[in-house]
Amino acid sequence: MDTVLFVCTHNASRSQMAEGLLRDRYGDRYEVYSAGTNPRGVNPFAVEVMEEIGIDISGHTSDHVDACTDTPLDIVVTVCDDAAENCPYIPAREQNLHRGFDDPSAVDGTDAETRAAFQRVRDELADWIDVTFASADRG
């Protein structure tokens, strides 16, 4: 079973949703973690939009990348451009990947507009995870 780490600056939204999605869809093939370079807690909107599709991430914790230094990682994925640019290089045994997604928490609007941004990013993450992790070929 491959180990996967999703990294995002705050480990609050994108990396948390990616962790939940990969674990739910392909947890029989991957052991999944997420972490951040400046963790700030799991965003309530991320919890809410994941619950909409039947995935509970309410028990997730927001962890610093340093917490993963003793875990052998097969695949490390940065899911935000800031983490890709500012994260210390975390070596993966198989592959380091980057796929930037918009930060839904950066939306400056009503709760409905923010929720819609989280739903859009969740769906984009889900599509990318299905394409990237469904088969042995990643990239």
N, C-alpha and C. Protein backbone atom coordinates (compact mmCIF):
# COMPACT_ATOMS: atom_id res chain seq x y z
N MET A 1 0.84 -1.17 0.00
CA MET A 1 0.00 0.00 0.00
C MET A 1 0.89 1.24 0.00
N ASP A 2 0.68 2.13 -0.97
CA ASP A 2 1.45 3.37 -1.06
C ASP A 2 0.96 4.38 -0.03
N THR A 3 1.88 5.17 0.48
CA THR A 3 1.52 6.27 1.37
C THR A 3 1.54 7.57 0.57
N VAL A 4 0.52 8.39 0.80
CA VAL A 4 0.36 9.65 0.07
C VAL A 4 0.22 10.78 1.09
N LEU A 5 0.94 11.87 0.85
CA LEU A 5 0.81 13.07 1.66
C LEU A 5 0.37 14.22 0.77
N PHE A 6 -0.75 14.85 1.12
CA PHE A 6 -1.21 16.07 0.45
C PHE A 6 -0.74 17.26 1.29
N VAL A 7 -0.10 18.23 0.64
CA VAL A 7 0.45 19.39 1.34
C VAL A 7 -0.18 20.66 0.79
N CYS A 8 -0.61 21.51 1.71
CA CYS A 8 -1.12 22.83 1.39
C CYS A 8 -0.71 23.76 2.52
N THR A 9 -0.63 25.02 2.27
CA THR A 9 -0.08 25.96 3.26
C THR A 9 -0.72 25.80 4.63
N HIS A 10 -2.05 25.91 4.71
CA HIS A 10 -2.72 25.92 6.01
C HIS A 10 -3.29 24.57 6.43
N ASN A 11 -3.24 23.59 5.58
CA ASN A 11 -3.82 22.27 5.87
C ASN A 11 -5.23 22.45 6.45
N ALA A 12 -5.99 23.31 5.79
CA ALA A 12 -7.32 23.66 6.28
C ALA A 12 -8.42 23.25 5.31
N SER A 13 -8.14 23.29 4.01
CA SER A 13 -9.21 23.07 3.03
C SER A 13 -8.82 22.07 1.95
N ARG A 14 -7.98 22.52 1.01
CA ARG A 14 -7.67 21.68 -0.16
C ARG A 14 -7.01 20.37 0.22
N SER A 15 -5.99 20.41 1.05
CA SER A 15 -5.31 19.17 1.43
C SER A 15 -6.22 18.28 2.27
N GLN A 16 -7.05 18.89 3.10
CA GLN A 16 -7.99 18.12 3.92
C GLN A 16 -9.03 17.41 3.04
N MET A 17 -9.58 18.15 2.07
CA MET A 17 -10.57 17.53 1.18
C MET A 17 -9.92 16.44 0.33
N ALA A 18 -8.70 16.70 -0.15
CA ALA A 18 -7.99 15.69 -0.94
C ALA A 18 -7.75 14.43 -0.12
N GLU A 19 -7.33 14.59 1.13
CA GLU A 19 -7.12 13.44 2.00
C GLU A 19 -8.41 12.64 2.15
N GLY A 20 -9.50 13.32 2.43
CA GLY A 20 -10.78 12.64 2.60
C GLY A 20 -11.25 11.94 1.34
N LEU A 21 -11.08 12.59 0.20
CA LEU A 21 -11.51 12.00 -1.07
C LEU A 21 -10.69 10.76 -1.42
N LEU A 22 -9.37 10.87 -1.32
CA LEU A 22 -8.53 9.72 -1.68
C LEU A 22 -8.79 8.55 -0.73
N ARG A 23 -8.91 8.82 0.54
CA ARG A 23 -9.17 7.76 1.51
C ARG A 23 -10.52 7.09 1.22
N ASP A 24 -11.53 7.90 0.89
CA ASP A 24 -12.86 7.35 0.63
C ASP A 24 -12.89 6.53 -0.66
N ARG A 25 -12.27 7.03 -1.69
CA ARG A 25 -12.36 6.39 -3.01
C ARG A 25 -11.35 5.26 -3.22
N TYR A 26 -10.15 5.42 -2.68
CA TYR A 26 -9.09 4.46 -2.96
C TYR A 26 -8.32 4.06 -1.71
N GLY A 27 -8.98 4.12 -0.58
CA GLY A 27 -8.33 3.81 0.69
C GLY A 27 -7.84 2.39 0.81
N ASP A 28 -8.32 1.52 -0.06
CA ASP A 28 -7.83 0.14 -0.06
C ASP A 28 -6.45 0.05 -0.72
N ARG A 29 -6.03 1.12 -1.43
CA ARG A 29 -4.74 1.13 -2.12
C ARG A 29 -3.74 2.12 -1.56
N TYR A 30 -4.26 3.12 -0.81
CA TYR A 30 -3.40 4.20 -0.34
C TYR A 30 -3.63 4.49 1.13
N GLU A 31 -2.53 4.72 1.85
CA GLU A 31 -2.59 5.25 3.20
C GLU A 31 -2.38 6.76 3.04
N VAL A 32 -3.33 7.56 3.53
CA VAL A 32 -3.38 8.97 3.16
C VAL A 32 -3.19 9.89 4.37
N TYR A 33 -2.40 10.94 4.16
CA TYR A 33 -2.16 11.97 5.16
C TYR A 33 -2.27 13.33 4.50
N SER A 34 -2.41 14.37 5.34
CA SER A 34 -2.30 15.74 4.84
C SER A 34 -1.57 16.56 5.90
N ALA A 35 -0.94 17.63 5.43
CA ALA A 35 -0.20 18.50 6.34
C ALA A 35 -0.03 19.86 5.69
N GLY A 36 0.43 20.82 6.49
CA GLY A 36 0.62 22.17 5.98
C GLY A 36 1.91 22.78 6.46
N THR A 37 2.33 23.83 5.77
CA THR A 37 3.52 24.56 6.16
C THR A 37 3.21 25.56 7.27
N ASN A 38 1.93 25.95 7.40
CA ASN A 38 1.47 26.88 8.43
C ASN A 38 0.04 26.48 8.81
N PRO A 39 -0.13 25.33 9.48
CA PRO A 39 -1.48 24.82 9.73
C PRO A 39 -2.32 25.75 10.60
N ARG A 40 -3.61 25.82 10.25
CA ARG A 40 -4.51 26.73 10.96
C ARG A 40 -5.81 26.09 11.40
N GLY A 41 -5.95 24.80 11.30
CA GLY A 41 -7.21 24.15 11.67
C GLY A 41 -8.05 23.87 10.45
N VAL A 42 -8.90 22.87 10.55
CA VAL A 42 -9.74 22.46 9.42
C VAL A 42 -10.87 23.47 9.25
N ASN A 43 -11.04 23.96 8.03
CA ASN A 43 -12.06 24.95 7.72
C ASN A 43 -13.45 24.32 7.80
N PRO A 44 -14.38 24.95 8.52
CA PRO A 44 -15.74 24.40 8.64
C PRO A 44 -16.46 24.21 7.30
N PHE A 45 -16.18 25.07 6.32
CA PHE A 45 -16.79 24.89 5.01
C PHE A 45 -16.28 23.61 4.34
N ALA A 46 -15.02 23.28 4.55
CA ALA A 46 -14.48 22.03 3.99
C ALA A 46 -15.21 20.84 4.59
N VAL A 47 -15.42 20.87 5.90
CA VAL A 47 -16.14 19.79 6.58
C VAL A 47 -17.55 19.69 6.01
N GLU A 48 -18.21 20.83 5.85
CA GLU A 48 -19.59 20.86 5.38
C GLU A 48 -19.74 20.30 3.97
N VAL A 49 -18.89 20.76 3.04
CA VAL A 49 -19.08 20.31 1.65
C VAL A 49 -18.66 18.85 1.46
N MET A 50 -17.77 18.37 2.29
CA MET A 50 -17.42 16.94 2.22
C MET A 50 -18.57 16.09 2.76
N GLU A 51 -19.21 16.57 3.81
CA GLU A 51 -20.37 15.87 4.37
C GLU A 51 -21.49 15.76 3.34
N GLU A 52 -21.61 16.78 2.49
CA GLU A 52 -22.63 16.75 1.43
C GLU A 52 -22.50 15.53 0.53
N ILE A 53 -21.27 15.05 0.37
CA ILE A 53 -21.05 13.87 -0.49
C ILE A 53 -20.76 12.61 0.33
N GLY A 54 -21.09 12.68 1.61
CA GLY A 54 -21.00 11.49 2.46
C GLY A 54 -19.63 11.18 3.01
N ILE A 55 -18.72 12.16 3.04
CA ILE A 55 -17.38 11.94 3.57
C ILE A 55 -17.21 12.81 4.81
N ASP A 56 -16.91 12.17 5.93
CA ASP A 56 -16.77 12.88 7.20
C ASP A 56 -15.29 13.17 7.47
N ILE A 57 -14.93 14.47 7.42
CA ILE A 57 -13.57 14.86 7.76
C ILE A 57 -13.56 15.67 9.05
N SER A 58 -14.64 15.63 9.79
CA SER A 58 -14.75 16.43 11.02
C SER A 58 -13.72 16.03 12.07
N GLY A 59 -13.21 14.81 11.99
CA GLY A 59 -12.20 14.36 12.95
C GLY A 59 -10.78 14.60 12.50
N HIS A 60 -10.60 15.18 11.31
CA HIS A 60 -9.25 15.47 10.82
C HIS A 60 -8.59 16.53 11.69
N THR A 61 -7.28 16.46 11.78
CA THR A 61 -6.50 17.49 12.46
C THR A 61 -5.65 18.22 11.43
N SER A 62 -5.31 19.44 11.75
CA SER A 62 -4.48 20.25 10.88
C SER A 62 -3.04 20.14 11.39
N ASP A 63 -2.21 19.44 10.64
CA ASP A 63 -0.86 19.10 11.09
C ASP A 63 0.22 19.83 10.29
N HIS A 64 1.36 20.01 10.93
CA HIS A 64 2.51 20.62 10.27
C HIS A 64 3.27 19.53 9.50
N VAL A 65 3.88 19.92 8.38
CA VAL A 65 4.63 18.95 7.57
C VAL A 65 5.72 18.25 8.37
N ASP A 66 6.24 18.91 9.39
CA ASP A 66 7.28 18.29 10.21
C ASP A 66 6.79 17.02 10.91
N ALA A 67 5.48 16.91 11.11
CA ALA A 67 4.92 15.72 11.77
C ALA A 67 5.04 14.48 10.88
N CYS A 68 5.36 14.68 9.61
CA CYS A 68 5.43 13.56 8.66
C CYS A 68 6.85 13.13 8.36
N THR A 69 7.83 13.72 9.02
CA THR A 69 9.23 13.42 8.67
C THR A 69 9.62 11.98 8.93
N ASP A 70 8.97 11.32 9.87
CA ASP A 70 9.32 9.93 10.16
C ASP A 70 8.46 8.93 9.40
N THR A 71 7.53 9.42 8.58
CA THR A 71 6.66 8.54 7.81
C THR A 71 7.25 8.34 6.42
N PRO A 72 7.50 7.10 6.01
CA PRO A 72 7.98 6.88 4.65
C PRO A 72 6.86 7.23 3.66
N LEU A 73 7.12 8.18 2.79
CA LEU A 73 6.10 8.67 1.87
C LEU A 73 6.42 8.24 0.45
N ASP A 74 5.47 7.59 -0.18
CA ASP A 74 5.66 7.16 -1.57
C ASP A 74 5.34 8.29 -2.54
N ILE A 75 4.28 9.05 -2.23
CA ILE A 75 3.82 10.12 -3.12
C ILE A 75 3.56 11.35 -2.27
N VAL A 76 4.14 12.49 -2.67
CA VAL A 76 3.88 13.76 -2.00
C VAL A 76 3.26 14.69 -3.04
N VAL A 77 2.09 15.25 -2.71
CA VAL A 77 1.36 16.10 -3.64
C VAL A 77 1.14 17.47 -3.01
N THR A 78 1.64 18.52 -3.64
CA THR A 78 1.30 19.87 -3.21
C THR A 78 0.05 20.28 -4.01
N VAL A 79 -0.94 20.82 -3.28
CA VAL A 79 -2.21 21.17 -3.93
C VAL A 79 -2.46 22.67 -3.95
N CYS A 80 -1.46 23.44 -3.55
CA CYS A 80 -1.56 24.90 -3.70
C CYS A 80 -0.20 25.42 -4.14
N ASP A 81 -0.25 26.50 -4.90
CA ASP A 81 1.00 27.04 -5.45
C ASP A 81 1.93 27.56 -4.37
N ASP A 82 1.37 28.14 -3.31
CA ASP A 82 2.21 28.66 -2.24
C ASP A 82 3.02 27.54 -1.58
N ALA A 83 2.37 26.41 -1.32
CA ALA A 83 3.10 25.29 -0.72
C ALA A 83 4.16 24.76 -1.68
N ALA A 84 3.83 24.72 -2.96
CA ALA A 84 4.81 24.24 -3.93
C ALA A 84 6.04 25.14 -3.97
N GLU A 85 5.82 26.45 -3.78
CA GLU A 85 6.93 27.40 -3.86
C GLU A 85 7.68 27.54 -2.54
N ASN A 86 6.98 27.39 -1.41
CA ASN A 86 7.59 27.71 -0.12
C ASN A 86 7.78 26.52 0.81
N CYS A 87 7.26 25.39 0.45
CA CYS A 87 7.37 24.21 1.30
C CYS A 87 8.78 23.65 1.20
N PRO A 88 9.34 23.26 2.32
CA PRO A 88 10.62 22.56 2.21
C PRO A 88 10.41 21.30 1.39
N TYR A 89 11.37 20.95 0.59
CA TYR A 89 11.23 19.78 -0.25
C TYR A 89 11.03 18.53 0.62
N ILE A 90 9.96 17.84 0.35
CA ILE A 90 9.66 16.60 1.07
C ILE A 90 9.85 15.47 0.07
N PRO A 91 10.90 14.70 0.24
CA PRO A 91 11.18 13.66 -0.76
C PRO A 91 10.16 12.52 -0.69
N ALA A 92 9.73 12.12 -1.86
CA ALA A 92 8.84 10.96 -1.97
C ALA A 92 9.64 9.81 -2.54
N ARG A 93 9.32 8.60 -2.09
CA ARG A 93 10.05 7.43 -2.59
C ARG A 93 9.72 7.15 -4.06
N GLU A 94 8.51 7.50 -4.48
CA GLU A 94 8.12 7.23 -5.86
C GLU A 94 7.97 8.49 -6.70
N GLN A 95 7.21 9.47 -6.16
CA GLN A 95 6.86 10.60 -7.01
C GLN A 95 6.45 11.82 -6.19
N ASN A 96 6.95 12.99 -6.61
CA ASN A 96 6.47 14.27 -6.10
C ASN A 96 5.61 14.88 -7.20
N LEU A 97 4.41 15.28 -6.82
CA LEU A 97 3.47 15.86 -7.78
C LEU A 97 3.04 17.24 -7.32
N HIS A 98 2.67 18.08 -8.27
CA HIS A 98 2.05 19.36 -7.93
C HIS A 98 0.85 19.56 -8.84
N ARG A 99 -0.26 19.92 -8.23
CA ARG A 99 -1.46 20.32 -8.97
C ARG A 99 -2.12 21.41 -8.14
N GLY A 100 -1.99 22.64 -8.59
CA GLY A 100 -2.55 23.77 -7.85
C GLY A 100 -4.05 23.88 -8.03
N PHE A 101 -4.74 24.13 -6.94
CA PHE A 101 -6.18 24.38 -6.94
C PHE A 101 -6.42 25.73 -6.28
N ASP A 102 -7.46 26.43 -6.73
CA ASP A 102 -7.81 27.72 -6.13
C ASP A 102 -8.08 27.55 -4.64
N ASP A 103 -7.80 28.59 -3.88
CA ASP A 103 -8.07 28.57 -2.45
C ASP A 103 -9.50 29.03 -2.21
N PRO A 104 -10.40 28.12 -1.87
CA PRO A 104 -11.80 28.53 -1.69
C PRO A 104 -12.00 29.45 -0.50
N SER A 105 -11.12 29.40 0.48
CA SER A 105 -11.27 30.27 1.64
C SER A 105 -10.88 31.72 1.32
N ALA A 106 -10.31 31.94 0.15
CA ALA A 106 -9.95 33.30 -0.26
C ALA A 106 -11.13 34.07 -0.83
N VAL A 107 -12.25 33.38 -1.04
CA VAL A 107 -13.44 34.03 -1.58
C VAL A 107 -13.94 35.05 -0.56
N ASP A 108 -14.15 36.26 -1.02
CA ASP A 108 -14.66 37.33 -0.16
C ASP A 108 -16.10 37.58 -0.57
N GLY A 109 -17.00 36.84 0.05
CA GLY A 109 -18.41 36.98 -0.32
C GLY A 109 -19.31 36.43 0.76
N THR A 110 -20.52 36.16 0.38
CA THR A 110 -21.50 35.61 1.31
C THR A 110 -21.15 34.16 1.62
N ASP A 111 -21.81 33.63 2.64
CA ASP A 111 -21.61 32.21 2.95
C ASP A 111 -21.96 31.34 1.75
N ALA A 112 -23.00 31.70 1.03
CA ALA A 112 -23.41 30.91 -0.15
C ALA A 112 -22.32 30.95 -1.22
N GLU A 113 -21.71 32.11 -1.42
CA GLU A 113 -20.64 32.22 -2.42
C GLU A 113 -19.40 31.43 -1.98
N THR A 114 -19.08 31.50 -0.69
CA THR A 114 -17.94 30.75 -0.17
C THR A 114 -18.21 29.26 -0.27
N ARG A 115 -19.40 28.82 0.11
CA ARG A 115 -19.77 27.41 0.02
C ARG A 115 -19.66 26.92 -1.43
N ALA A 116 -20.12 27.74 -2.37
CA ALA A 116 -20.04 27.37 -3.79
C ALA A 116 -18.58 27.21 -4.24
N ALA A 117 -17.69 28.06 -3.74
CA ALA A 117 -16.26 27.94 -4.08
C ALA A 117 -15.70 26.64 -3.51
N PHE A 118 -16.06 26.31 -2.29
CA PHE A 118 -15.60 25.05 -1.69
C PHE A 118 -16.14 23.85 -2.47
N GLN A 119 -17.39 23.91 -2.87
CA GLN A 119 -17.97 22.80 -3.65
C GLN A 119 -17.25 22.63 -4.98
N ARG A 120 -16.95 23.76 -5.64
CA ARG A 120 -16.25 23.69 -6.93
C ARG A 120 -14.87 23.07 -6.78
N VAL A 121 -14.11 23.54 -5.77
CA VAL A 121 -12.76 23.00 -5.56
C VAL A 121 -12.84 21.53 -5.14
N ARG A 122 -13.79 21.17 -4.30
CA ARG A 122 -13.99 19.76 -3.92
C ARG A 122 -14.19 18.90 -5.16
N ASP A 123 -15.06 19.36 -6.06
CA ASP A 123 -15.34 18.59 -7.27
C ASP A 123 -14.13 18.52 -8.19
N GLU A 124 -13.36 19.61 -8.28
CA GLU A 124 -12.13 19.58 -9.09
C GLU A 124 -11.12 18.61 -8.49
N LEU A 125 -10.99 18.63 -7.18
CA LEU A 125 -10.09 17.69 -6.51
C LEU A 125 -10.53 16.25 -6.77
N ALA A 126 -11.82 16.00 -6.66
CA ALA A 126 -12.36 14.64 -6.87
C ALA A 126 -12.05 14.16 -8.28
N ASP A 127 -12.27 15.02 -9.27
CA ASP A 127 -12.00 14.63 -10.66
C ASP A 127 -10.52 14.33 -10.85
N TRP A 128 -9.64 15.20 -10.32
CA TRP A 128 -8.21 15.00 -10.48
C TRP A 128 -7.74 13.73 -9.76
N ILE A 129 -8.27 13.49 -8.57
CA ILE A 129 -7.90 12.28 -7.83
C ILE A 129 -8.33 11.04 -8.59
N ASP A 130 -9.52 11.07 -9.17
CA ASP A 130 -9.97 9.90 -9.94
C ASP A 130 -9.04 9.64 -11.12
N VAL A 131 -8.65 10.68 -11.82
CA VAL A 131 -7.76 10.50 -12.98
C VAL A 131 -6.37 10.08 -12.54
N THR A 132 -5.87 10.66 -11.48
CA THR A 132 -4.48 10.46 -11.06
C THR A 132 -4.25 9.17 -10.27
N PHE A 133 -5.20 8.79 -9.43
CA PHE A 133 -4.97 7.68 -8.51
C PHE A 133 -5.76 6.41 -8.83
N ALA A 134 -6.66 6.45 -9.80
CA ALA A 134 -7.47 5.27 -10.10
C ALA A 134 -6.62 4.15 -10.70
N SER A 135 -5.58 4.54 -11.42
CA SER A 135 -4.70 3.52 -12.02
C SER A 135 -3.30 3.69 -11.45
N ALA A 136 -2.42 2.80 -11.82
CA ALA A 136 -1.04 2.87 -11.34
C ALA A 136 -0.28 4.01 -11.98
N ASP A 137 -0.77 4.54 -13.11
CA ASP A 137 -0.10 5.63 -13.80
C ASP A 137 -0.50 6.95 -13.19
N ARG A 138 0.47 7.69 -12.66
CA ARG A 138 0.20 8.99 -12.04
C ARG A 138 0.96 10.06 -12.80
N GLY A 139 0.40 11.25 -12.78
CA GLY A 139 1.08 12.37 -13.40
C GLY A 139 0.17 13.48 -13.75
